[in-house]
Amino acid sequence: MRKRQHRLLAVLLASALLGMAPQAAMACSYDGLLGSEISLAHPASMGVALAVHDAAAAGRLQTLAGLPPAAALMRANLLVQALQRRLLTPGASLPPMAVLLVEGRLWNRFAPAPFGTTLQGHVNGPQTGDVTVVTSEAVLQALHEGRLGWDAAVAQGLAVVTDGAAPLNERVDVALSKIWPAAEQKTALSALP
């Protein structure tokens, strides 16, 4: 029995080191399994994480307070649900999309539905054919609060749209640009009577 446990541990460790972790090891860090470090759940994760760090260090992005895992998951879920509400715009016609929040390695999936967009929360990752959006909780918070526009987030590397066919990626990028216009545009639009 002990030999079997050692063999299983060795296989899991080798798989993780090779980047081929089995699905059971793909849980997000909010589950308390991965610690609080940012891990590579997608090839774009590191670039986004570094851009978020640099933007926070330069004062261009407000970092979020550290919370215990359950509270952090609740905060992340609220941000993702706010995104879902924004995606309910009639006629948005978005392709299936997986969103990765790099801090907690948290995947969520949005799929078109007859009356908007459905949210599948806390999934293992994208499905074949999904457009992938890689970003962070701090970026979503800034977008929701109007302190950051989508185009600026992409230009600064704080968000990446990838993995889908080029026209699908562009459709998602354009839709998110409309949902989160530049901060100056939003201020100007809200000043209109």
N, C-alpha and C. Protein backbone atom coordinates (compact mmCIF):
# COMPACT_ATOMS: atom_id res chain seq x y z
N MET A 1 0.83 -1.19 0.00
CA MET A 1 0.00 0.00 0.00
C MET A 1 0.87 1.26 0.00
N ARG A 2 1.90 1.29 0.85
CA ARG A 2 2.79 2.43 0.95
C ARG A 2 3.54 2.64 -0.37
N LYS A 3 3.93 1.56 -1.00
CA LYS A 3 4.65 1.65 -2.27
C LYS A 3 3.75 2.28 -3.34
N ARG A 4 2.47 1.92 -3.31
CA ARG A 4 1.51 2.45 -4.26
C ARG A 4 1.32 3.96 -4.05
N GLN A 5 1.29 4.39 -2.78
CA GLN A 5 1.15 5.82 -2.48
C GLN A 5 2.36 6.60 -2.98
N HIS A 6 3.55 6.05 -2.78
CA HIS A 6 4.76 6.71 -3.25
C HIS A 6 4.76 6.82 -4.78
N ARG A 7 4.32 5.75 -5.44
CA ARG A 7 4.28 5.76 -6.90
C ARG A 7 3.28 6.82 -7.39
N LEU A 8 2.10 6.90 -6.77
CA LEU A 8 1.10 7.90 -7.14
C LEU A 8 1.64 9.31 -6.92
N LEU A 9 2.30 9.53 -5.80
CA LEU A 9 2.90 10.83 -5.52
C LEU A 9 3.95 11.18 -6.57
N ALA A 10 4.77 10.22 -6.94
CA ALA A 10 5.81 10.45 -7.94
C ALA A 10 5.20 10.80 -9.30
N VAL A 11 4.14 10.10 -9.67
CA VAL A 11 3.47 10.37 -10.95
C VAL A 11 2.86 11.76 -10.94
N LEU A 12 2.18 12.13 -9.85
CA LEU A 12 1.58 13.46 -9.75
C LEU A 12 2.63 14.55 -9.80
N LEU A 13 3.74 14.36 -9.07
CA LEU A 13 4.81 15.34 -9.07
C LEU A 13 5.44 15.47 -10.45
N ALA A 14 5.72 14.37 -11.09
CA ALA A 14 6.31 14.40 -12.43
C ALA A 14 5.35 15.06 -13.43
N SER A 15 4.08 14.75 -13.33
CA SER A 15 3.09 15.35 -14.23
C SER A 15 3.03 16.85 -14.03
N ALA A 16 3.03 17.29 -12.78
CA ALA A 16 2.97 18.73 -12.50
C ALA A 16 4.21 19.42 -13.03
N LEU A 17 5.37 18.81 -12.84
CA LEU A 17 6.61 19.41 -13.31
C LEU A 17 6.66 19.49 -14.83
N LEU A 18 6.05 18.56 -15.49
CA LEU A 18 6.04 18.54 -16.95
C LEU A 18 4.89 19.34 -17.54
N GLY A 19 4.07 19.91 -16.68
CA GLY A 19 2.95 20.71 -17.17
C GLY A 19 1.78 19.89 -17.67
N MET A 20 1.74 18.62 -17.29
CA MET A 20 0.67 17.75 -17.75
C MET A 20 -0.12 17.23 -16.56
N ALA A 21 -0.46 18.11 -15.63
CA ALA A 21 -1.15 17.68 -14.42
C ALA A 21 -2.50 17.09 -14.75
N PRO A 22 -2.87 15.99 -14.11
CA PRO A 22 -4.18 15.41 -14.35
C PRO A 22 -5.27 16.35 -13.87
N GLN A 23 -6.50 16.17 -14.36
CA GLN A 23 -7.61 17.06 -14.04
C GLN A 23 -7.81 17.25 -12.55
N ALA A 24 -7.60 16.22 -11.75
CA ALA A 24 -7.82 16.35 -10.31
C ALA A 24 -6.89 17.39 -9.71
N ALA A 25 -5.73 17.62 -10.32
CA ALA A 25 -4.77 18.60 -9.80
C ALA A 25 -5.00 19.98 -10.40
N MET A 26 -6.03 20.16 -11.21
CA MET A 26 -6.25 21.42 -11.89
C MET A 26 -7.14 22.38 -11.10
N ALA A 27 -7.35 22.12 -9.83
CA ALA A 27 -8.20 23.00 -9.02
C ALA A 27 -7.57 24.38 -8.92
N CYS A 28 -8.41 25.37 -8.66
CA CYS A 28 -7.90 26.73 -8.50
C CYS A 28 -7.31 26.87 -7.10
N SER A 29 -6.55 27.93 -6.88
CA SER A 29 -5.91 28.10 -5.57
C SER A 29 -6.91 28.49 -4.49
N TYR A 30 -8.13 28.90 -4.87
CA TYR A 30 -9.15 29.20 -3.86
C TYR A 30 -9.57 27.94 -3.12
N ASP A 31 -9.28 26.80 -3.71
CA ASP A 31 -9.60 25.53 -3.05
C ASP A 31 -8.58 25.21 -1.97
N GLY A 32 -7.55 26.05 -1.86
CA GLY A 32 -6.54 25.86 -0.83
C GLY A 32 -5.49 24.83 -1.21
N LEU A 33 -5.45 24.45 -2.49
CA LEU A 33 -4.52 23.39 -2.89
C LEU A 33 -3.23 23.91 -3.48
N LEU A 34 -3.22 25.14 -4.01
CA LEU A 34 -2.05 25.61 -4.73
C LEU A 34 -1.30 26.72 -4.02
N GLY A 35 -1.72 27.16 -2.87
CA GLY A 35 -1.08 28.29 -2.22
C GLY A 35 -1.57 29.58 -2.83
N SER A 36 -0.91 30.68 -2.55
CA SER A 36 -1.39 31.98 -3.03
C SER A 36 -0.59 32.49 -4.22
N GLU A 37 0.37 31.72 -4.71
CA GLU A 37 1.16 32.17 -5.84
C GLU A 37 0.37 32.08 -7.15
N ILE A 38 0.81 32.88 -8.12
CA ILE A 38 0.20 32.81 -9.44
C ILE A 38 0.85 31.65 -10.16
N SER A 39 0.06 30.77 -10.72
CA SER A 39 0.60 29.62 -11.43
C SER A 39 0.16 29.67 -12.88
N LEU A 40 0.85 28.93 -13.71
CA LEU A 40 0.58 28.96 -15.14
C LEU A 40 -0.55 28.01 -15.52
N ALA A 41 -1.74 28.54 -15.56
CA ALA A 41 -2.89 27.76 -15.99
C ALA A 41 -3.08 27.90 -17.50
N HIS A 42 -2.35 28.84 -18.11
CA HIS A 42 -2.43 29.10 -19.55
C HIS A 42 -1.11 29.75 -19.96
N PRO A 43 -0.66 29.55 -21.20
CA PRO A 43 0.61 30.16 -21.62
C PRO A 43 0.65 31.69 -21.48
N ALA A 44 -0.49 32.36 -21.53
CA ALA A 44 -0.51 33.82 -21.40
C ALA A 44 -0.52 34.28 -19.94
N SER A 45 -0.65 33.35 -19.00
CA SER A 45 -0.76 33.70 -17.58
C SER A 45 0.42 34.53 -17.08
N MET A 46 1.62 34.10 -17.39
CA MET A 46 2.81 34.78 -16.86
C MET A 46 2.91 36.22 -17.37
N GLY A 47 2.66 36.41 -18.66
CA GLY A 47 2.72 37.76 -19.22
C GLY A 47 1.70 38.68 -18.57
N VAL A 48 0.49 38.17 -18.39
CA VAL A 48 -0.56 38.98 -17.74
C VAL A 48 -0.17 39.25 -16.29
N ALA A 49 0.30 38.24 -15.57
CA ALA A 49 0.67 38.42 -14.17
C ALA A 49 1.78 39.46 -14.01
N LEU A 50 2.76 39.42 -14.89
CA LEU A 50 3.85 40.41 -14.83
C LEU A 50 3.35 41.80 -15.16
N ALA A 51 2.47 41.91 -16.15
CA ALA A 51 1.91 43.22 -16.52
C ALA A 51 1.09 43.78 -15.36
N VAL A 52 0.31 42.93 -14.69
CA VAL A 52 -0.47 43.36 -13.53
C VAL A 52 0.46 43.85 -12.42
N HIS A 53 1.51 43.08 -12.15
CA HIS A 53 2.49 43.48 -11.14
C HIS A 53 3.11 44.83 -11.47
N ASP A 54 3.55 45.00 -12.72
CA ASP A 54 4.18 46.25 -13.14
C ASP A 54 3.21 47.42 -13.05
N ALA A 55 1.96 47.22 -13.47
CA ALA A 55 0.96 48.29 -13.42
C ALA A 55 0.67 48.68 -11.97
N ALA A 56 0.61 47.70 -11.08
CA ALA A 56 0.38 47.99 -9.66
C ALA A 56 1.57 48.74 -9.06
N ALA A 57 2.78 48.29 -9.41
CA ALA A 57 3.98 48.94 -8.89
C ALA A 57 4.10 50.38 -9.37
N ALA A 58 3.62 50.65 -10.60
CA ALA A 58 3.67 52.00 -11.16
C ALA A 58 2.48 52.86 -10.73
N GLY A 59 1.56 52.27 -9.97
CA GLY A 59 0.40 53.01 -9.50
C GLY A 59 -0.72 53.15 -10.52
N ARG A 60 -0.64 52.40 -11.62
CA ARG A 60 -1.68 52.46 -12.66
C ARG A 60 -2.83 51.50 -12.37
N LEU A 61 -2.63 50.58 -11.45
CA LEU A 61 -3.65 49.57 -11.13
C LEU A 61 -3.67 49.35 -9.63
N GLN A 62 -4.84 49.40 -9.05
CA GLN A 62 -4.99 49.19 -7.62
C GLN A 62 -5.05 47.69 -7.35
N THR A 63 -4.21 47.22 -6.44
CA THR A 63 -4.25 45.80 -6.09
C THR A 63 -5.42 45.56 -5.13
N LEU A 64 -5.87 44.33 -5.09
CA LEU A 64 -6.97 43.97 -4.20
C LEU A 64 -6.42 43.42 -2.90
N ALA A 65 -7.13 43.65 -1.83
CA ALA A 65 -6.69 43.18 -0.52
C ALA A 65 -6.63 41.66 -0.49
N GLY A 66 -5.64 41.16 0.21
CA GLY A 66 -5.54 39.72 0.40
C GLY A 66 -6.66 39.24 1.32
N LEU A 67 -7.25 38.13 0.97
CA LEU A 67 -8.36 37.58 1.75
C LEU A 67 -8.15 36.09 1.94
N PRO A 68 -8.80 35.49 2.94
CA PRO A 68 -8.76 34.03 3.05
C PRO A 68 -9.38 33.42 1.78
N PRO A 69 -9.01 32.19 1.44
CA PRO A 69 -9.47 31.60 0.17
C PRO A 69 -10.97 31.67 -0.08
N ALA A 70 -11.79 31.39 0.90
CA ALA A 70 -13.25 31.39 0.68
C ALA A 70 -13.74 32.80 0.35
N ALA A 71 -13.24 33.81 1.05
CA ALA A 71 -13.64 35.19 0.79
C ALA A 71 -13.10 35.66 -0.56
N ALA A 72 -11.87 35.26 -0.90
CA ALA A 72 -11.29 35.64 -2.20
C ALA A 72 -12.09 35.01 -3.34
N LEU A 73 -12.52 33.76 -3.17
CA LEU A 73 -13.35 33.11 -4.19
C LEU A 73 -14.68 33.84 -4.34
N MET A 74 -15.26 34.26 -3.24
CA MET A 74 -16.53 34.99 -3.29
C MET A 74 -16.34 36.30 -4.06
N ARG A 75 -15.25 37.02 -3.78
CA ARG A 75 -14.97 38.27 -4.49
C ARG A 75 -14.79 38.01 -5.98
N ALA A 76 -14.02 36.98 -6.32
CA ALA A 76 -13.80 36.64 -7.74
C ALA A 76 -15.12 36.28 -8.41
N ASN A 77 -15.95 35.50 -7.73
CA ASN A 77 -17.25 35.12 -8.29
C ASN A 77 -18.13 36.34 -8.54
N LEU A 78 -18.12 37.30 -7.63
CA LEU A 78 -18.90 38.52 -7.81
C LEU A 78 -18.43 39.31 -9.03
N LEU A 79 -17.12 39.37 -9.24
CA LEU A 79 -16.58 40.06 -10.42
C LEU A 79 -16.98 39.35 -11.71
N VAL A 80 -16.93 38.03 -11.70
CA VAL A 80 -17.31 37.24 -12.88
C VAL A 80 -18.80 37.37 -13.14
N GLN A 81 -19.61 37.37 -12.09
CA GLN A 81 -21.06 37.55 -12.27
C GLN A 81 -21.38 38.93 -12.82
N ALA A 82 -20.62 39.94 -12.41
CA ALA A 82 -20.80 41.29 -12.97
C ALA A 82 -20.47 41.28 -14.46
N LEU A 83 -19.45 40.53 -14.85
CA LEU A 83 -19.13 40.40 -16.28
C LEU A 83 -20.29 39.73 -17.01
N GLN A 84 -20.85 38.68 -16.42
CA GLN A 84 -21.98 38.00 -17.06
C GLN A 84 -23.14 38.98 -17.28
N ARG A 85 -23.44 39.81 -16.30
CA ARG A 85 -24.53 40.78 -16.46
C ARG A 85 -24.24 41.73 -17.62
N ARG A 86 -22.99 42.11 -17.78
CA ARG A 86 -22.62 43.00 -18.88
C ARG A 86 -22.73 42.28 -20.23
N LEU A 87 -22.54 40.98 -20.23
CA LEU A 87 -22.63 40.20 -21.47
C LEU A 87 -24.07 39.90 -21.86
N LEU A 88 -25.03 40.26 -21.03
CA LEU A 88 -26.44 40.00 -21.32
C LEU A 88 -27.02 41.00 -22.32
N THR A 89 -26.19 41.86 -22.85
CA THR A 89 -26.63 42.84 -23.82
C THR A 89 -27.29 42.13 -25.00
N PRO A 90 -28.54 42.49 -25.34
CA PRO A 90 -29.20 41.83 -26.47
C PRO A 90 -28.37 41.98 -27.76
N GLY A 91 -28.31 40.90 -28.50
CA GLY A 91 -27.61 40.92 -29.78
C GLY A 91 -26.09 40.84 -29.66
N ALA A 92 -25.55 40.58 -28.47
CA ALA A 92 -24.10 40.53 -28.30
C ALA A 92 -23.50 39.41 -29.14
N SER A 93 -24.19 38.29 -29.27
CA SER A 93 -23.78 37.19 -30.14
C SER A 93 -22.31 36.83 -30.00
N LEU A 94 -21.89 36.57 -28.79
CA LEU A 94 -20.50 36.19 -28.55
C LEU A 94 -20.32 34.69 -28.69
N PRO A 95 -19.15 34.27 -29.13
CA PRO A 95 -18.86 32.83 -29.16
C PRO A 95 -18.59 32.33 -27.74
N PRO A 96 -18.54 31.02 -27.54
CA PRO A 96 -18.18 30.50 -26.22
C PRO A 96 -16.82 31.05 -25.81
N MET A 97 -16.71 31.39 -24.53
CA MET A 97 -15.53 32.09 -24.05
C MET A 97 -15.17 31.58 -22.65
N ALA A 98 -13.90 31.28 -22.45
CA ALA A 98 -13.40 30.90 -21.13
C ALA A 98 -12.58 32.07 -20.59
N VAL A 99 -12.80 32.42 -19.34
CA VAL A 99 -12.09 33.53 -18.71
C VAL A 99 -11.26 32.99 -17.56
N LEU A 100 -9.97 33.29 -17.60
CA LEU A 100 -9.05 32.87 -16.55
C LEU A 100 -8.63 34.09 -15.74
N LEU A 101 -8.82 34.02 -14.42
CA LEU A 101 -8.30 35.03 -13.50
C LEU A 101 -7.00 34.48 -12.93
N VAL A 102 -5.87 35.13 -13.25
CA VAL A 102 -4.57 34.54 -12.98
C VAL A 102 -4.23 34.43 -11.50
N GLU A 103 -4.73 35.34 -10.65
CA GLU A 103 -4.34 35.28 -9.24
C GLU A 103 -4.68 33.93 -8.62
N GLY A 104 -5.87 33.47 -8.87
CA GLY A 104 -6.32 32.22 -8.26
C GLY A 104 -6.40 31.06 -9.22
N ARG A 105 -5.95 31.29 -10.46
CA ARG A 105 -6.03 30.22 -11.47
C ARG A 105 -7.48 29.75 -11.61
N LEU A 106 -8.40 30.71 -11.59
CA LEU A 106 -9.83 30.43 -11.62
C LEU A 106 -10.37 30.58 -13.04
N TRP A 107 -10.92 29.48 -13.57
CA TRP A 107 -11.53 29.46 -14.89
C TRP A 107 -13.05 29.57 -14.75
N ASN A 108 -13.65 30.35 -15.63
CA ASN A 108 -15.11 30.44 -15.77
C ASN A 108 -15.40 30.39 -17.25
N ARG A 109 -16.56 29.89 -17.59
CA ARG A 109 -16.90 29.75 -19.00
C ARG A 109 -18.24 30.41 -19.28
N PHE A 110 -18.29 31.17 -20.36
CA PHE A 110 -19.50 31.83 -20.82
C PHE A 110 -19.89 31.22 -22.15
N ALA A 111 -21.17 30.91 -22.30
CA ALA A 111 -21.65 30.32 -23.56
C ALA A 111 -22.92 31.04 -23.98
N PRO A 112 -23.10 31.17 -25.30
CA PRO A 112 -24.33 31.83 -25.77
C PRO A 112 -25.56 31.01 -25.40
N ALA A 113 -26.62 31.72 -25.11
CA ALA A 113 -27.90 31.09 -24.77
C ALA A 113 -29.00 31.90 -25.47
N PRO A 114 -30.19 31.34 -25.60
CA PRO A 114 -31.26 32.06 -26.31
C PRO A 114 -31.54 33.46 -25.77
N PHE A 115 -31.37 33.66 -24.47
CA PHE A 115 -31.67 34.97 -23.89
C PHE A 115 -30.47 35.57 -23.19
N GLY A 116 -29.32 35.51 -23.81
CA GLY A 116 -28.12 36.11 -23.22
C GLY A 116 -26.96 35.14 -23.19
N THR A 117 -26.27 35.13 -22.09
CA THR A 117 -25.07 34.33 -21.94
C THR A 117 -25.14 33.55 -20.63
N THR A 118 -24.84 32.26 -20.70
CA THR A 118 -24.82 31.46 -19.48
C THR A 118 -23.41 31.46 -18.89
N LEU A 119 -23.33 31.33 -17.60
CA LEU A 119 -22.07 31.28 -16.89
C LEU A 119 -21.91 29.91 -16.26
N GLN A 120 -20.80 29.26 -16.55
CA GLN A 120 -20.41 28.03 -15.87
C GLN A 120 -19.20 28.41 -15.03
N GLY A 121 -19.39 28.49 -13.74
CA GLY A 121 -18.32 28.95 -12.86
C GLY A 121 -17.42 27.83 -12.39
N HIS A 122 -16.18 28.22 -12.10
CA HIS A 122 -15.22 27.32 -11.46
C HIS A 122 -15.04 26.03 -12.26
N VAL A 123 -14.76 26.18 -13.55
CA VAL A 123 -14.56 25.02 -14.43
C VAL A 123 -13.07 24.70 -14.54
N ASN A 124 -12.74 23.55 -15.14
CA ASN A 124 -11.34 23.12 -15.26
C ASN A 124 -10.56 23.88 -16.32
N GLY A 125 -11.24 24.56 -17.22
CA GLY A 125 -10.54 25.29 -18.27
C GLY A 125 -11.43 25.45 -19.48
N PRO A 126 -10.86 25.94 -20.57
CA PRO A 126 -11.66 26.14 -21.77
C PRO A 126 -12.03 24.82 -22.44
N GLN A 127 -13.09 24.85 -23.21
CA GLN A 127 -13.44 23.71 -24.05
C GLN A 127 -12.90 23.96 -25.44
N THR A 128 -12.79 22.92 -26.22
CA THR A 128 -12.30 23.05 -27.59
C THR A 128 -13.14 24.08 -28.34
N GLY A 129 -12.46 25.03 -28.97
CA GLY A 129 -13.13 26.06 -29.75
C GLY A 129 -13.45 27.33 -28.99
N ASP A 130 -13.27 27.32 -27.67
CA ASP A 130 -13.53 28.52 -26.88
C ASP A 130 -12.50 29.60 -27.17
N VAL A 131 -12.94 30.84 -27.15
CA VAL A 131 -12.03 31.97 -27.10
C VAL A 131 -11.61 32.08 -25.64
N THR A 132 -10.35 32.34 -25.38
CA THR A 132 -9.85 32.44 -24.01
C THR A 132 -9.49 33.88 -23.70
N VAL A 133 -9.97 34.36 -22.56
CA VAL A 133 -9.59 35.68 -22.05
C VAL A 133 -8.81 35.45 -20.78
N VAL A 134 -7.58 35.94 -20.75
CA VAL A 134 -6.72 35.82 -19.58
C VAL A 134 -6.56 37.21 -18.99
N THR A 135 -6.91 37.37 -17.72
CA THR A 135 -6.79 38.67 -17.05
C THR A 135 -6.68 38.43 -15.55
N SER A 136 -6.97 39.46 -14.77
CA SER A 136 -6.85 39.32 -13.32
C SER A 136 -8.06 39.94 -12.62
N GLU A 137 -8.22 39.60 -11.36
CA GLU A 137 -9.30 40.18 -10.57
C GLU A 137 -9.15 41.70 -10.48
N ALA A 138 -7.93 42.16 -10.25
CA ALA A 138 -7.70 43.60 -10.11
C ALA A 138 -8.09 44.34 -11.39
N VAL A 139 -7.81 43.72 -12.54
CA VAL A 139 -8.17 44.33 -13.82
C VAL A 139 -9.68 44.34 -13.98
N LEU A 140 -10.35 43.23 -13.69
CA LEU A 140 -11.81 43.20 -13.77
C LEU A 140 -12.43 44.26 -12.86
N GLN A 141 -11.89 44.41 -11.66
CA GLN A 141 -12.41 45.41 -10.73
C GLN A 141 -12.25 46.81 -11.33
N ALA A 142 -11.08 47.11 -11.88
CA ALA A 142 -10.84 48.43 -12.47
C ALA A 142 -11.75 48.66 -13.68
N LEU A 143 -11.97 47.62 -14.47
CA LEU A 143 -12.88 47.73 -15.62
C LEU A 143 -14.30 48.02 -15.16
N HIS A 144 -14.77 47.26 -14.19
CA HIS A 144 -16.13 47.44 -13.68
C HIS A 144 -16.33 48.82 -13.07
N GLU A 145 -15.30 49.35 -12.43
CA GLU A 145 -15.41 50.65 -11.77
C GLU A 145 -15.17 51.82 -12.74
N GLY A 146 -14.81 51.52 -13.99
CA GLY A 146 -14.59 52.57 -14.97
C GLY A 146 -13.25 53.27 -14.85
N ARG A 147 -12.32 52.70 -14.08
CA ARG A 147 -10.98 53.28 -13.96
C ARG A 147 -10.06 52.83 -15.08
N LEU A 148 -10.53 51.88 -15.89
CA LEU A 148 -9.73 51.31 -16.96
C LEU A 148 -10.66 50.91 -18.09
N GLY A 149 -10.26 51.16 -19.31
CA GLY A 149 -11.02 50.71 -20.46
C GLY A 149 -10.41 49.42 -21.00
N TRP A 150 -11.21 48.65 -21.75
CA TRP A 150 -10.75 47.36 -22.27
C TRP A 150 -9.54 47.53 -23.19
N ASP A 151 -9.61 48.49 -24.11
CA ASP A 151 -8.51 48.66 -25.06
C ASP A 151 -7.20 48.97 -24.33
N ALA A 152 -7.27 49.80 -23.28
CA ALA A 152 -6.07 50.11 -22.51
C ALA A 152 -5.56 48.87 -21.78
N ALA A 153 -6.47 48.06 -21.25
CA ALA A 153 -6.07 46.82 -20.56
C ALA A 153 -5.32 45.90 -21.52
N VAL A 154 -5.83 45.76 -22.74
CA VAL A 154 -5.17 44.90 -23.73
C VAL A 154 -3.82 45.50 -24.13
N ALA A 155 -3.81 46.81 -24.37
CA ALA A 155 -2.57 47.47 -24.80
C ALA A 155 -1.46 47.35 -23.75
N GLN A 156 -1.84 47.32 -22.47
CA GLN A 156 -0.85 47.22 -21.39
C GLN A 156 -0.52 45.77 -21.04
N GLY A 157 -1.15 44.81 -21.72
CA GLY A 157 -0.90 43.40 -21.44
C GLY A 157 -1.64 42.90 -20.21
N LEU A 158 -2.60 43.68 -19.70
CA LEU A 158 -3.35 43.30 -18.50
C LEU A 158 -4.47 42.31 -18.83
N ALA A 159 -4.75 42.16 -20.10
CA ALA A 159 -5.76 41.21 -20.58
C ALA A 159 -5.33 40.73 -21.95
N VAL A 160 -5.59 39.46 -22.22
CA VAL A 160 -5.23 38.84 -23.50
C VAL A 160 -6.44 38.05 -23.99
N VAL A 161 -6.76 38.22 -25.27
CA VAL A 161 -7.80 37.42 -25.93
C VAL A 161 -7.07 36.50 -26.89
N THR A 162 -7.29 35.19 -26.74
CA THR A 162 -6.49 34.23 -27.50
C THR A 162 -7.24 32.91 -27.70
N ASP A 163 -6.60 32.00 -28.37
CA ASP A 163 -7.01 30.59 -28.55
C ASP A 163 -8.13 30.34 -29.54
N GLY A 164 -8.98 31.30 -29.82
CA GLY A 164 -10.05 31.09 -30.79
C GLY A 164 -9.56 31.42 -32.19
N ALA A 165 -10.40 31.16 -33.18
CA ALA A 165 -10.09 31.58 -34.55
C ALA A 165 -10.05 33.11 -34.54
N ALA A 166 -9.20 33.70 -35.39
CA ALA A 166 -9.01 35.16 -35.40
C ALA A 166 -10.31 35.95 -35.43
N PRO A 167 -11.29 35.60 -36.29
CA PRO A 167 -12.53 36.39 -36.29
C PRO A 167 -13.30 36.29 -34.97
N LEU A 168 -13.23 35.14 -34.30
CA LEU A 168 -13.91 34.98 -33.01
C LEU A 168 -13.21 35.80 -31.94
N ASN A 169 -11.87 35.77 -31.93
CA ASN A 169 -11.11 36.57 -30.97
C ASN A 169 -11.46 38.05 -31.15
N GLU A 170 -11.53 38.48 -32.40
CA GLU A 170 -11.83 39.89 -32.68
C GLU A 170 -13.25 40.24 -32.22
N ARG A 171 -14.19 39.34 -32.43
CA ARG A 171 -15.57 39.59 -31.98
C ARG A 171 -15.64 39.80 -30.47
N VAL A 172 -14.91 38.95 -29.73
CA VAL A 172 -14.88 39.09 -28.28
C VAL A 172 -14.20 40.40 -27.90
N ASP A 173 -13.08 40.70 -28.53
CA ASP A 173 -12.34 41.92 -28.23
C ASP A 173 -13.20 43.17 -28.48
N VAL A 174 -13.90 43.21 -29.61
CA VAL A 174 -14.77 44.34 -29.94
C VAL A 174 -15.91 44.45 -28.93
N ALA A 175 -16.52 43.33 -28.57
CA ALA A 175 -17.63 43.35 -27.61
C ALA A 175 -17.17 43.86 -26.25
N LEU A 176 -16.00 43.41 -25.80
CA LEU A 176 -15.50 43.86 -24.51
C LEU A 176 -15.09 45.33 -24.55
N SER A 177 -14.64 45.80 -25.71
CA SER A 177 -14.34 47.23 -25.88
C SER A 177 -15.60 48.07 -25.74
N LYS A 178 -16.72 47.55 -26.23
CA LYS A 178 -17.99 48.28 -26.11
C LYS A 178 -18.52 48.25 -24.68
N ILE A 179 -18.32 47.13 -24.02
CA ILE A 179 -18.78 46.99 -22.64
C ILE A 179 -17.97 47.92 -21.72
N TRP A 180 -16.66 47.98 -21.96
CA TRP A 180 -15.77 48.79 -21.14
C TRP A 180 -15.02 49.79 -22.01
N PRO A 181 -15.67 50.90 -22.36
CA PRO A 181 -14.98 51.90 -23.17
C PRO A 181 -13.84 52.55 -22.38
N ALA A 182 -13.03 53.33 -23.06
CA ALA A 182 -11.94 54.03 -22.38
C ALA A 182 -12.50 54.84 -21.22
N ALA A 183 -11.73 54.95 -20.16
CA ALA A 183 -12.18 55.65 -18.96
C ALA A 183 -12.64 57.06 -19.28
N GLU A 184 -11.93 57.78 -20.18
CA GLU A 184 -12.32 59.14 -20.54
C GLU A 184 -13.66 59.14 -21.28
N GLN A 185 -13.86 58.15 -22.17
CA GLN A 185 -15.11 58.06 -22.92
C GLN A 185 -16.27 57.81 -21.97
N LYS A 186 -16.06 56.93 -21.00
CA LYS A 186 -17.13 56.60 -20.06
C LYS A 186 -17.51 57.85 -19.26
N THR A 187 -16.50 58.62 -18.83
CA THR A 187 -16.78 59.83 -18.07
C THR A 187 -17.55 60.82 -18.94
N ALA A 188 -17.12 60.96 -20.20
CA ALA A 188 -17.79 61.90 -21.09
C ALA A 188 -19.22 61.44 -21.38
N LEU A 189 -19.42 60.14 -21.55
CA LEU A 189 -20.75 59.61 -21.82
C LEU A 189 -21.67 59.78 -20.63
N SER A 190 -21.14 59.60 -19.42
CA SER A 190 -21.99 59.72 -18.24
C SER A 190 -22.35 61.19 -17.96
N ALA A 191 -21.59 62.13 -18.53
CA ALA A 191 -21.88 63.54 -18.32
C ALA A 191 -22.99 64.04 -19.24
N LEU A 192 -23.34 63.25 -20.25
CA LEU A 192 -24.41 63.66 -21.16
C LEU A 192 -25.75 63.65 -20.44
N PRO A 193 -26.67 64.58 -20.83
CA PRO A 193 -27.98 64.64 -20.16
C PRO A 193 -28.80 63.40 -20.42
